[in-house]
Amino acid sequence: MQLGSSETQVYYHLLDLDDSQKQQYLQELQQSQPELYIQLAPLLAHEAPEERLTQLLYFGAHQATNSEIDLSGEVISKYRLTHELGRGGMGVVYAAQRADETFEQDLAIKFIQSNLSNVLGQRALFDEAQLLARLNHPYIAKVFDGGLHDGSVYIVMERVFGQTLDDYLAEVTLTDREKLTLFKQICQAMEHAHHHHVLHADLKPENILIDPNKRPKLLDFNLTQKVQ
């Protein structure tokens, strides 16, 4: 990753680094782009910039410990977690169903790691979930609900069955018209989000799934930024 990236891109890059790599990267960033180094502050909570960066490094150091927890089979609020779907720098995602069986609905529940919830602030994450719940578009995974469990903010969303955009394009040969149609659909989803004052902040092929009907679904609007 080049140091010319925006503060949001740098933030996500930090989540993918181990503790020593984070320290080295931040030192280089502070020397080469001090303004960008300071601009990271709004993404890292309410303390002084140095303390925010320290907390982020602390989160990275303890991330492995948190990742050992498996909530499969547990009931959280009105949702039963069936099995894990994946883990990443932000947290862990589980497949889920309604525990009361009132509705048959395939859900995905993302738990933001508790250390990161503390760094970013639970209120900010809840506000983000409320913003995402306003989005209602066929090419965006729908957010239904959210809550708090053992210090971790969780977001309940539509579970999308499909392939990542990269995998789909590697397996399927599309005509130029089909490529343009797919690109247009992704743009329509982003336009809808922007109309509701939401930026994705981490749009990449891994966060776009292609469902069985060959429609894109945008995922992982976490750490979105409200359009000013």
C-alpha atoms as a PDB file:
ATOM      1  CA  MET A   1       0.000   0.000   0.000  1.00  0.00           C
ATOM      2  CA  GLN A   2       1.347   3.428  -0.941  1.00  0.00           C
ATOM      3  CA  LEU A   3       1.502   6.245   1.604  1.00  0.00           C
ATOM      4  CA  GLY A   4      -0.505   8.466  -0.714  1.00  0.00           C
ATOM      5  CA  SER A   5      -3.717   6.754   0.383  1.00  0.00           C
ATOM      6  CA  SER A   6      -6.544   8.468   2.231  1.00  0.00           C
ATOM      7  CA  GLU A   7      -6.845   8.225   5.994  1.00  0.00           C
ATOM      8  CA  THR A   8      -9.631   5.640   5.640  1.00  0.00           C
ATOM      9  CA  GLN A   9      -7.491   3.412   3.435  1.00  0.00           C
ATOM     10  CA  VAL A  10      -4.575   3.769   5.841  1.00  0.00           C
ATOM     11  CA  TYR A  11      -6.842   2.783   8.729  1.00  0.00           C
ATOM     12  CA  TYR A  12      -7.942  -0.415   6.999  1.00  0.00           C
ATOM     13  CA  HIS A  13      -4.356  -1.133   6.031  1.00  0.00           C
ATOM     14  CA  LEU A  14      -3.374  -0.913   9.722  1.00  0.00           C
ATOM     15  CA  LEU A  15      -5.960  -3.549  10.614  1.00  0.00           C
ATOM     16  CA  ASP A  16      -4.207  -6.012   8.307  1.00  0.00           C
ATOM     17  CA  LEU A  17      -0.767  -5.535   9.889  1.00  0.00           C
ATOM     18  CA  ASP A  18       0.745  -7.199  12.924  1.00  0.00           C
ATOM     19  CA  ASP A  19       1.897  -5.091  15.872  1.00  0.00           C
ATOM     20  CA  SER A  20       5.483  -4.509  14.719  1.00  0.00           C
ATOM     21  CA  GLN A  21       4.378  -3.727  11.159  1.00  0.00           C
ATOM     22  CA  LYS A  22       1.850  -1.193  12.482  1.00  0.00           C
ATOM     23  CA  GLN A  23       4.524   0.603  14.484  1.00  0.00           C
ATOM     24  CA  GLN A  24       6.905   0.753  11.530  1.00  0.00           C
ATOM     25  CA  TYR A  25       4.188   1.914   9.151  1.00  0.00           C
ATOM     26  CA  LEU A  26       2.999   4.662  11.516  1.00  0.00           C
ATOM     27  CA  GLN A  27       6.549   5.896  12.051  1.00  0.00           C
ATOM     28  CA  GLU A  28       7.083   6.135   8.294  1.00  0.00           C
ATOM     29  CA  LEU A  29       3.719   7.821   7.855  1.00  0.00           C
ATOM     30  CA  GLN A  30       4.442  10.384  10.580  1.00  0.00           C
ATOM     31  CA  GLN A  31       7.731  11.326   8.927  1.00  0.00           C
ATOM     32  CA  SER A  32       6.597  11.335   5.306  1.00  0.00           C
ATOM     33  CA  GLN A  33       3.001  12.600   5.663  1.00  0.00           C
ATOM     34  CA  PRO A  34       2.471  14.238   9.064  1.00  0.00           C
ATOM     35  CA  GLU A  35      -0.829  15.793   7.961  1.00  0.00           C
ATOM     36  CA  LEU A  36      -2.273  12.414   7.008  1.00  0.00           C
ATOM     37  CA  TYR A  37      -0.932  10.969  10.264  1.00  0.00           C
ATOM     38  CA  ILE A  38      -2.917  13.584  12.188  1.00  0.00           C
ATOM     39  CA  GLN A  39      -6.021  13.088  10.021  1.00  0.00           C
ATOM     40  CA  LEU A  40      -6.292   9.512  11.291  1.00  0.00           C
ATOM     41  CA  ALA A  41      -7.445  10.882  14.626  1.00  0.00           C
ATOM     42  CA  PRO A  42     -11.203  11.134  13.847  1.00  0.00           C
ATOM     43  CA  LEU A  43     -11.267   7.417  13.003  1.00  0.00           C
ATOM     44  CA  LEU A  44      -9.696   6.353  16.282  1.00  0.00           C
ATOM     45  CA  ALA A  45     -11.991   7.701  19.081  1.00  0.00           C
ATOM     46  CA  HIS A  46     -12.001  10.750  21.311  1.00  0.00           C
ATOM     47  CA  GLU A  47      -8.632  10.837  23.085  1.00  0.00           C
ATOM     48  CA  ALA A  48      -5.510  12.667  21.921  1.00  0.00           C
ATOM     49  CA  PRO A  49      -4.142  11.392  18.566  1.00  0.00           C
ATOM     50  CA  GLU A  50      -1.185   9.653  20.221  1.00  0.00           C
ATOM     51  CA  GLU A  51      -3.484   7.800  22.619  1.00  0.00           C
ATOM     52  CA  ARG A  52      -5.766   6.755  19.775  1.00  0.00           C
ATOM     53  CA  LEU A  53      -2.901   5.226  17.874  1.00  0.00           C
ATOM     54  CA  THR A  54      -1.720   3.476  21.031  1.00  0.00           C
ATOM     55  CA  GLN A  55      -5.214   2.035  21.528  1.00  0.00           C
ATOM     56  CA  LEU A  56      -5.304   0.813  17.941  1.00  0.00           C
ATOM     57  CA  LEU A  57      -1.966  -0.946  18.428  1.00  0.00           C
ATOM     58  CA  TYR A  58      -3.276  -2.413  21.679  1.00  0.00           C
ATOM     59  CA  PHE A  59      -6.285  -3.728  19.759  1.00  0.00           C
ATOM     60  CA  GLY A  60      -4.012  -5.393  17.222  1.00  0.00           C
ATOM     61  CA  ALA A  61      -1.913  -7.021  19.935  1.00  0.00           C
ATOM     62  CA  HIS A  62      -4.962  -8.543  21.638  1.00  0.00           C
ATOM     63  CA  GLN A  63      -6.901  -9.395  18.491  1.00  0.00           C
ATOM     64  CA  ALA A  64      -5.676 -13.008  18.478  1.00  0.00           C
ATOM     65  CA  THR A  65      -7.036 -13.592  21.985  1.00  0.00           C
ATOM     66  CA  ASN A  66     -10.496 -12.338  21.055  1.00  0.00           C
ATOM     67  CA  SER A  67     -10.515 -14.393  17.857  1.00  0.00           C
ATOM     68  CA  GLU A  68     -10.479 -17.629  19.881  1.00  0.00           C
ATOM     69  CA  ILE A  69     -14.053 -17.076  21.100  1.00  0.00           C
ATOM     70  CA  ASP A  70     -16.660 -19.112  19.201  1.00  0.00           C
ATOM     71  CA  LEU A  71     -20.327 -18.194  19.678  1.00  0.00           C
ATOM     72  CA  SER A  72     -21.702 -20.902  17.375  1.00  0.00           C
ATOM     73  CA  GLY A  73     -24.892 -22.400  18.809  1.00  0.00           C
ATOM     74  CA  GLU A  74     -25.579 -19.520  21.189  1.00  0.00           C
ATOM     75  CA  VAL A  75     -28.738 -17.421  21.245  1.00  0.00           C
ATOM     76  CA  ILE A  76     -28.140 -13.669  21.179  1.00  0.00           C
ATOM     77  CA  SER A  77     -31.298 -11.642  21.694  1.00  0.00           C
ATOM     78  CA  LYS A  78     -33.800 -13.248  19.281  1.00  0.00           C
ATOM     79  CA  TYR A  79     -31.169 -14.789  17.021  1.00  0.00           C
ATOM     80  CA  ARG A  80     -29.569 -18.236  17.082  1.00  0.00           C
ATOM     81  CA  LEU A  81     -26.016 -18.358  15.735  1.00  0.00           C
ATOM     82  CA  THR A  82     -25.579 -21.534  13.692  1.00  0.00           C
ATOM     83  CA  HIS A  83     -21.971 -21.432  12.493  1.00  0.00           C
ATOM     84  CA  GLU A  84     -19.111 -19.104  11.711  1.00  0.00           C
ATOM     85  CA  LEU A  85     -18.879 -17.608   8.235  1.00  0.00           C
ATOM     86  CA  GLY A  86     -15.586 -15.766   8.518  1.00  0.00           C
ATOM     87  CA  ARG A  87     -13.192 -13.617  10.553  1.00  0.00           C
ATOM     88  CA  GLY A  88     -11.296 -10.460   9.762  1.00  0.00           C
ATOM     89  CA  GLY A  89      -9.655  -7.399  11.224  1.00  0.00           C
ATOM     90  CA  MET A  90     -12.996  -5.952  12.336  1.00  0.00           C
ATOM     91  CA  GLY A  91     -14.485  -9.042  13.946  1.00  0.00           C
ATOM     92  CA  VAL A  92     -16.330 -12.255  13.171  1.00  0.00           C
ATOM     93  CA  VAL A  93     -19.453 -13.053  11.129  1.00  0.00           C
ATOM     94  CA  TYR A  94     -21.904 -15.865  11.928  1.00  0.00           C
ATOM     95  CA  ALA A  95     -24.773 -17.412  10.025  1.00  0.00           C
ATOM     96  CA  ALA A  96     -27.957 -17.045  12.055  1.00  0.00           C
ATOM     97  CA  GLN A  97     -31.675 -17.776  12.202  1.00  0.00           C
ATOM     98  CA  ARG A  98     -34.535 -16.336  14.227  1.00  0.00           C
ATOM     99  CA  ALA A  99     -34.492 -18.214  17.551  1.00  0.00           C
ATOM    100  CA  ASP A 100     -38.264 -17.890  18.026  1.00  0.00           C
ATOM    101  CA  GLU A 101     -38.847 -19.376  14.553  1.00  0.00           C
ATOM    102  CA  THR A 102     -41.471 -16.698  13.904  1.00  0.00           C
ATOM    103  CA  PHE A 103     -39.913 -16.118  10.490  1.00  0.00           C
ATOM    104  CA  GLU A 104     -37.661 -18.298   8.391  1.00  0.00           C
ATOM    105  CA  GLN A 105     -34.876 -15.958   7.447  1.00  0.00           C
ATOM    106  CA  ASP A 106     -31.219 -16.497   6.544  1.00  0.00           C
ATOM    107  CA  LEU A 107     -29.192 -13.898   8.398  1.00  0.00           C
ATOM    108  CA  ALA A 108     -25.577 -12.939   8.920  1.00  0.00           C
ATOM    109  CA  ILE A 109     -24.550 -11.316  12.204  1.00  0.00           C
ATOM    110  CA  LYS A 110     -21.294  -9.405  12.407  1.00  0.00           C
ATOM    111  CA  PHE A 111     -19.726  -8.915  15.833  1.00  0.00           C
ATOM    112  CA  ILE A 112     -17.302  -5.996  16.034  1.00  0.00           C
ATOM    113  CA  GLN A 113     -14.414  -7.014  18.282  1.00  0.00           C
ATOM    114  CA  SER A 114     -14.875  -5.536  21.756  1.00  0.00           C
ATOM    115  CA  ASN A 115     -11.451  -3.858  21.768  1.00  0.00           C
ATOM    116  CA  LEU A 116     -12.262  -2.118  18.504  1.00  0.00           C
ATOM    117  CA  SER A 117     -15.713  -1.177  19.815  1.00  0.00           C
ATOM    118  CA  ASN A 118     -13.960   0.574  22.687  1.00  0.00           C
ATOM    119  CA  VAL A 119     -11.554   2.372  20.356  1.00  0.00           C
ATOM    120  CA  LEU A 120     -14.230   3.613  17.962  1.00  0.00           C
ATOM    121  CA  GLY A 121     -17.002   4.038  20.530  1.00  0.00           C
ATOM    122  CA  GLN A 122     -20.159   1.944  20.831  1.00  0.00           C
ATOM    123  CA  ARG A 123     -22.399   4.942  20.217  1.00  0.00           C
ATOM    124  CA  ALA A 124     -20.624   5.712  16.946  1.00  0.00           C
ATOM    125  CA  LEU A 125     -21.030   2.107  15.794  1.00  0.00           C
ATOM    126  CA  PHE A 126     -24.733   2.096  16.685  1.00  0.00           C
ATOM    127  CA  ASP A 127     -25.189   5.351  14.782  1.00  0.00           C
ATOM    128  CA  GLU A 128     -23.477   3.720  11.818  1.00  0.00           C
ATOM    129  CA  ALA A 129     -25.807   0.710  11.965  1.00  0.00           C
ATOM    130  CA  GLN A 130     -28.808   3.039  11.960  1.00  0.00           C
ATOM    131  CA  LEU A 131     -27.467   4.772   8.864  1.00  0.00           C
ATOM    132  CA  LEU A 132     -27.010   1.439   7.119  1.00  0.00           C
ATOM    133  CA  ALA A 133     -30.512   0.281   8.056  1.00  0.00           C
ATOM    134  CA  ARG A 134     -31.895   3.175   6.002  1.00  0.00           C
ATOM    135  CA  LEU A 135     -30.393   1.738   2.842  1.00  0.00           C
ATOM    136  CA  ASN A 136     -32.925  -0.254   0.849  1.00  0.00           C
ATOM    137  CA  HIS A 137     -31.555  -1.307  -2.517  1.00  0.00           C
ATOM    138  CA  PRO A 138     -31.530  -4.634  -4.403  1.00  0.00           C
ATOM    139  CA  TYR A 139     -27.739  -4.485  -4.781  1.00  0.00           C
ATOM    140  CA  ILE A 140     -26.919  -3.737  -1.127  1.00  0.00           C
ATOM    141  CA  ALA A 141     -27.081  -6.359   1.637  1.00  0.00           C
ATOM    142  CA  LYS A 142     -29.897  -5.203   3.925  1.00  0.00           C
ATOM    143  CA  VAL A 143     -29.209  -4.329   7.572  1.00  0.00           C
ATOM    144  CA  PHE A 144     -32.099  -5.305   9.853  1.00  0.00           C
ATOM    145  CA  ASP A 145     -31.013  -4.878  13.449  1.00  0.00           C
ATOM    146  CA  GLY A 146     -28.160  -4.320  15.863  1.00  0.00           C
ATOM    147  CA  GLY A 147     -27.268  -4.706  19.507  1.00  0.00           C
ATOM    148  CA  LEU A 148     -24.626  -5.196  22.163  1.00  0.00           C
ATOM    149  CA  HIS A 149     -23.285  -8.501  23.515  1.00  0.00           C
ATOM    150  CA  ASP A 150     -20.474  -8.781  26.075  1.00  0.00           C
ATOM    151  CA  GLY A 151     -19.082  -5.405  25.082  1.00  0.00           C
ATOM    152  CA  SER A 152     -19.195  -6.108  21.342  1.00  0.00           C
ATOM    153  CA  VAL A 153     -21.499  -4.262  18.987  1.00  0.00           C
ATOM    154  CA  TYR A 154     -23.209  -6.581  16.516  1.00  0.00           C
ATOM    155  CA  ILE A 155     -25.071  -5.881  13.287  1.00  0.00           C
ATOM    156  CA  VAL A 156     -27.774  -8.178  11.904  1.00  0.00           C
ATOM    157  CA  MET A 157     -27.962  -8.253   8.135  1.00  0.00           C
ATOM    158  CA  GLU A 158     -29.188 -10.191   5.151  1.00  0.00           C
ATOM    159  CA  ARG A 159     -27.111 -13.288   4.456  1.00  0.00           C
ATOM    160  CA  VAL A 160     -25.970 -13.316   0.850  1.00  0.00           C
ATOM    161  CA  PHE A 161     -25.169 -16.606  -0.864  1.00  0.00           C
ATOM    162  CA  GLY A 162     -22.697 -16.180  -3.674  1.00  0.00           C
ATOM    163  CA  GLN A 163     -19.129 -15.611  -4.814  1.00  0.00           C
ATOM    164  CA  THR A 164     -16.878 -12.633  -4.377  1.00  0.00           C
ATOM    165  CA  LEU A 165     -16.569 -10.463  -7.462  1.00  0.00           C
ATOM    166  CA  ASP A 166     -12.985 -11.655  -8.027  1.00  0.00           C
ATOM    167  CA  ASP A 167     -13.931 -15.344  -7.890  1.00  0.00           C
ATOM    168  CA  TYR A 168     -16.975 -14.805 -10.082  1.00  0.00           C
ATOM    169  CA  LEU A 169     -15.004 -13.020 -12.804  1.00  0.00           C
ATOM    170  CA  ALA A 170     -12.315 -15.706 -12.673  1.00  0.00           C
ATOM    171  CA  GLU A 171     -14.877 -18.462 -13.335  1.00  0.00           C
ATOM    172  CA  VAL A 172     -17.379 -16.780 -15.656  1.00  0.00           C
ATOM    173  CA  THR A 173     -16.693 -15.257 -19.058  1.00  0.00           C
ATOM    174  CA  LEU A 174     -18.841 -12.160 -19.510  1.00  0.00           C
ATOM    175  CA  THR A 175     -19.571 -10.250 -22.673  1.00  0.00           C
ATOM    176  CA  ASP A 176     -18.714  -6.562 -22.763  1.00  0.00           C
ATOM    177  CA  ARG A 177     -22.395  -5.751 -22.347  1.00  0.00           C
ATOM    178  CA  GLU A 178     -22.666  -8.014 -19.293  1.00  0.00           C
ATOM    179  CA  LYS A 179     -19.584  -6.399 -17.757  1.00  0.00           C
ATOM    180  CA  LEU A 180     -21.066  -2.954 -18.270  1.00  0.00           C
ATOM    181  CA  THR A 181     -24.376  -4.080 -16.787  1.00  0.00           C
ATOM    182  CA  LEU A 182     -22.625  -5.430 -13.694  1.00  0.00           C
ATOM    183  CA  PHE A 183     -20.595  -2.241 -13.337  1.00  0.00           C
ATOM    184  CA  LYS A 184     -23.747  -0.139 -13.721  1.00  0.00           C
ATOM    185  CA  GLN A 185     -25.500  -2.132 -10.981  1.00  0.00           C
ATOM    186  CA  ILE A 186     -22.613  -1.562  -8.575  1.00  0.00           C
ATOM    187  CA  CYS A 187     -22.666   2.145  -9.408  1.00  0.00           C
ATOM    188  CA  GLN A 188     -26.422   2.252  -8.789  1.00  0.00           C
ATOM    189  CA  ALA A 189     -25.894   0.746  -5.346  1.00  0.00           C
ATOM    190  CA  MET A 190     -23.242   3.332  -4.516  1.00  0.00           C
ATOM    191  CA  GLU A 191     -25.445   6.133  -5.820  1.00  0.00           C
ATOM    192  CA  HIS A 192     -28.236   4.973  -3.506  1.00  0.00           C
ATOM    193  CA  ALA A 193     -25.873   4.946  -0.520  1.00  0.00           C
ATOM    194  CA  HIS A 194     -24.563   8.420  -1.339  1.00  0.00           C
ATOM    195  CA  HIS A 195     -28.126   9.698  -1.711  1.00  0.00           C
ATOM    196  CA  HIS A 196     -28.664   8.614   1.905  1.00  0.00           C
ATOM    197  CA  HIS A 197     -25.436  10.333   2.983  1.00  0.00           C
ATOM    198  CA  VAL A 198     -23.434   7.132   3.404  1.00  0.00           C
ATOM    199  CA  LEU A 199     -19.978   6.379   2.017  1.00  0.00           C
ATOM    200  CA  HIS A 200     -18.744   2.801   1.826  1.00  0.00           C
ATOM    201  CA  ALA A 201     -15.111   3.624   2.734  1.00  0.00           C
ATOM    202  CA  ASP A 202     -13.839   0.122   1.840  1.00  0.00           C
ATOM    203  CA  LEU A 203     -15.249  -0.788  -1.569  1.00  0.00           C
ATOM    204  CA  LYS A 204     -13.252  -3.664  -3.064  1.00  0.00           C
ATOM    205  CA  PRO A 205     -13.997  -6.960  -4.879  1.00  0.00           C
ATOM    206  CA  GLU A 206     -13.990  -8.945  -1.611  1.00  0.00           C
ATOM    207  CA  ASN A 207     -16.889  -6.801  -0.375  1.00  0.00           C
ATOM    208  CA  ILE A 208     -19.027  -7.424  -3.455  1.00  0.00           C
ATOM    209  CA  LEU A 209     -20.795 -10.787  -3.730  1.00  0.00           C
ATOM    210  CA  ILE A 210     -22.519 -12.051  -6.861  1.00  0.00           C
ATOM    211  CA  ASP A 211     -25.689 -13.930  -5.918  1.00  0.00           C
ATOM    212  CA  PRO A 212     -27.170 -16.945  -7.787  1.00  0.00           C
ATOM    213  CA  ASN A 213     -29.212 -14.526  -9.918  1.00  0.00           C
ATOM    214  CA  LYS A 214     -25.969 -12.871 -11.083  1.00  0.00           C
ATOM    215  CA  ARG A 215     -26.756  -9.693  -9.171  1.00  0.00           C
ATOM    216  CA  PRO A 216     -24.116  -7.868  -7.119  1.00  0.00           C
ATOM    217  CA  LYS A 217     -24.585  -7.345  -3.394  1.00  0.00           C
ATOM    218  CA  LEU A 218     -22.428  -4.796  -1.611  1.00  0.00           C
ATOM    219  CA  LEU A 219     -21.306  -5.849   1.861  1.00  0.00           C
ATOM    220  CA  ASP A 220     -19.227  -4.564   4.746  1.00  0.00           C
ATOM    221  CA  PHE A 221     -20.235  -0.940   4.939  1.00  0.00           C
ATOM    222  CA  ASN A 222     -18.495  -0.945   8.353  1.00  0.00           C
ATOM    223  CA  LEU A 223     -16.679   2.232   9.345  1.00  0.00           C
ATOM    224  CA  THR A 224     -18.679   4.188   6.821  1.00  0.00           C
ATOM    225  CA  GLN A 225     -18.449   7.932   6.908  1.00  0.00           C
ATOM    226  CA  LYS A 226     -21.455  10.190   6.725  1.00  0.00           C
ATOM    227  CA  VAL A 227     -21.361  12.547   3.760  1.00  0.00           C
ATOM    228  CA  GLN A 228     -21.017  16.103   5.027  1.00  0.00           C
END
